[in-house]
Protein backbone atom coordinates (compact mmCIF):
# COMPACT_ATOMS: atom_id res chain seq x y z
CA MET A 1 47.02 -109.89 -39.10
CA GLU A 2 44.92 -111.12 -36.17
CA ARG A 3 45.89 -109.42 -32.92
CA ALA A 4 46.79 -112.78 -31.38
CA GLU A 5 49.46 -113.47 -33.98
CA LYS A 6 52.00 -111.09 -32.46
CA TRP A 7 51.67 -112.99 -29.18
CA LEU A 8 52.40 -116.27 -30.96
CA GLU A 9 55.76 -115.05 -32.26
CA GLU A 10 58.88 -115.80 -30.22
CA ASP A 11 59.06 -112.32 -28.66
CA GLY A 12 55.39 -112.39 -27.68
CA LEU A 13 55.62 -115.85 -26.13
CA THR A 14 58.73 -114.79 -24.21
CA LEU A 15 56.86 -111.79 -22.80
CA LEU A 16 53.92 -113.96 -21.75
CA GLU A 17 56.23 -116.45 -20.06
CA GLY A 18 58.06 -113.64 -18.27
CA TRP A 19 54.86 -112.03 -17.01
CA ALA A 20 53.66 -115.37 -15.66
CA ARG A 21 57.06 -115.98 -14.05
CA ASP A 22 56.91 -112.52 -12.46
CA GLY A 23 53.61 -113.44 -10.80
CA LEU A 24 51.19 -111.33 -12.80
CA THR A 25 47.59 -112.50 -12.61
CA ARG A 26 45.68 -113.53 -15.71
CA GLU A 27 43.79 -110.24 -15.55
CA GLN A 28 47.03 -108.28 -15.38
CA ILE A 29 48.51 -110.21 -18.30
CA ALA A 30 45.39 -109.57 -20.37
CA GLY A 31 45.73 -105.89 -19.51
CA GLN A 32 49.38 -105.89 -20.61
CA MET A 33 48.30 -107.49 -23.87
CA GLY A 34 45.56 -104.88 -24.35
CA ILE A 35 42.74 -107.42 -24.45
CA SER A 36 39.79 -108.39 -22.26
CA ILE A 37 40.03 -111.33 -19.89
CA SER A 38 37.44 -113.22 -21.97
CA THR A 39 39.58 -112.79 -25.09
CA PHE A 40 42.59 -113.91 -23.08
CA TYR A 41 40.85 -117.17 -22.14
CA LYS A 42 39.63 -117.72 -25.73
CA TRP A 43 43.14 -117.27 -27.10
CA GLN A 44 44.59 -119.69 -24.55
CA LYS A 45 42.14 -122.34 -25.78
CA LYS A 46 42.67 -121.55 -29.43
CA TYR A 47 46.47 -121.24 -29.29
CA PRO A 48 48.06 -123.95 -27.13
CA GLN A 49 51.52 -122.40 -27.51
CA MET A 50 50.24 -119.34 -25.64
CA ALA A 51 48.88 -121.45 -22.80
CA GLN A 52 52.14 -123.42 -22.72
CA ALA A 53 54.25 -120.25 -22.39
CA LEU A 54 52.13 -119.09 -19.44
CA LYS A 55 52.34 -122.51 -17.80
CA LYS A 56 56.10 -122.65 -18.28
CA GLY A 57 56.53 -119.25 -16.63
CA ARG A 58 54.40 -120.19 -13.61
CA GLU A 59 56.14 -123.56 -13.21
CA LEU A 60 59.61 -122.02 -13.22
CA VAL A 61 58.88 -119.67 -10.35
CA ASP A 62 56.98 -122.40 -8.47
CA TYR A 63 60.09 -124.60 -8.62
CA GLN A 64 62.24 -121.74 -7.36
CA VAL A 65 59.91 -121.10 -4.42
CA GLU A 66 59.78 -124.82 -3.62
CA ALA A 67 63.58 -124.98 -3.61
CA ALA A 68 63.81 -121.92 -1.34
CA LEU A 69 61.26 -123.42 1.06
CA LEU A 70 63.12 -126.71 1.12
CA ASP A 71 66.42 -124.90 1.79
CA LYS A 72 64.86 -123.08 4.75
CA ALA A 73 63.28 -126.29 6.08
CA LEU A 74 66.54 -128.21 5.83
CA GLY A 75 68.35 -125.27 7.39
CA GLY A 76 66.31 -125.64 10.57
CA ASP A 77 63.52 -123.10 10.02
CA LEU A 78 60.74 -124.64 12.12
CA ARG A 79 57.94 -122.76 10.35
CA ALA A 80 59.17 -123.92 6.93
CA GLN A 81 59.45 -127.48 8.23
CA MET A 82 55.88 -127.40 9.55
CA TYR A 83 54.54 -125.93 6.32
CA TRP A 84 56.36 -128.50 4.23
CA LEU A 85 55.21 -131.45 6.33
CA ASN A 86 51.60 -130.24 6.62
CA ASN A 87 51.37 -129.93 2.85
CA ARG A 88 53.57 -132.75 1.61
CA ARG A 89 52.84 -135.30 4.34
CA GLY A 90 49.46 -134.16 5.56
CA ASP A 91 48.45 -137.76 6.21
CA LYS A 92 50.95 -137.83 9.09
CA TRP A 93 51.59 -134.20 9.98
CA GLN A 94 48.33 -132.26 9.78
CA GLU A 95 47.95 -129.67 12.51
CA HIS A 96 44.34 -130.67 13.07
CA PRO A 97 43.87 -134.19 11.71
CA LYS A 98 40.32 -135.12 10.95
CA GLU A 99 39.19 -137.34 13.75
CA LYS A 100 37.57 -140.58 12.93
CA THR A 101 34.13 -140.36 14.43
CA GLU A 102 32.15 -143.36 15.38
CA SER A 103 28.42 -143.36 15.43
CA ALA A 104 26.58 -144.08 18.62
CA GLU A 105 25.46 -147.40 17.12
CA ASP A 106 29.07 -148.54 16.74
CA GLU A 107 29.60 -148.23 20.49
CA GLY A 108 26.31 -149.76 21.51
CA VAL A 109 25.05 -146.48 22.93
CA THR A 110 21.44 -145.48 22.62
CA VAL A 111 20.63 -141.81 22.59
CA ILE A 112 17.20 -140.94 23.99
CA VAL A 113 15.79 -137.52 23.40
CA ASP A 114 12.96 -136.60 25.76
CA VAL A 115 10.84 -133.85 24.34
């Protein structure tokens, strides 16, 4: 039995999903599996169900964090509100919006450099 097969069974996929949900890095997950990081990446490509379990675990916790951030923002937490707006509505709420610069030619200004 190939070593990857045990990770493709229901129990193995549940563990992978849980580790991803708990915030383990790819390197840490590979370590838990007893494989190298390169093998980990190869298996993710070869076995889409493995990659899907990891993705599902990460997405679940991301949604929970988003919901908690939204709750804090709606509850009046100014820092959470700023973070939310800077990231979700950066076009309107960036802390340091990129200024539109005009070239000297656009304003009819000639720059003379005397060397």
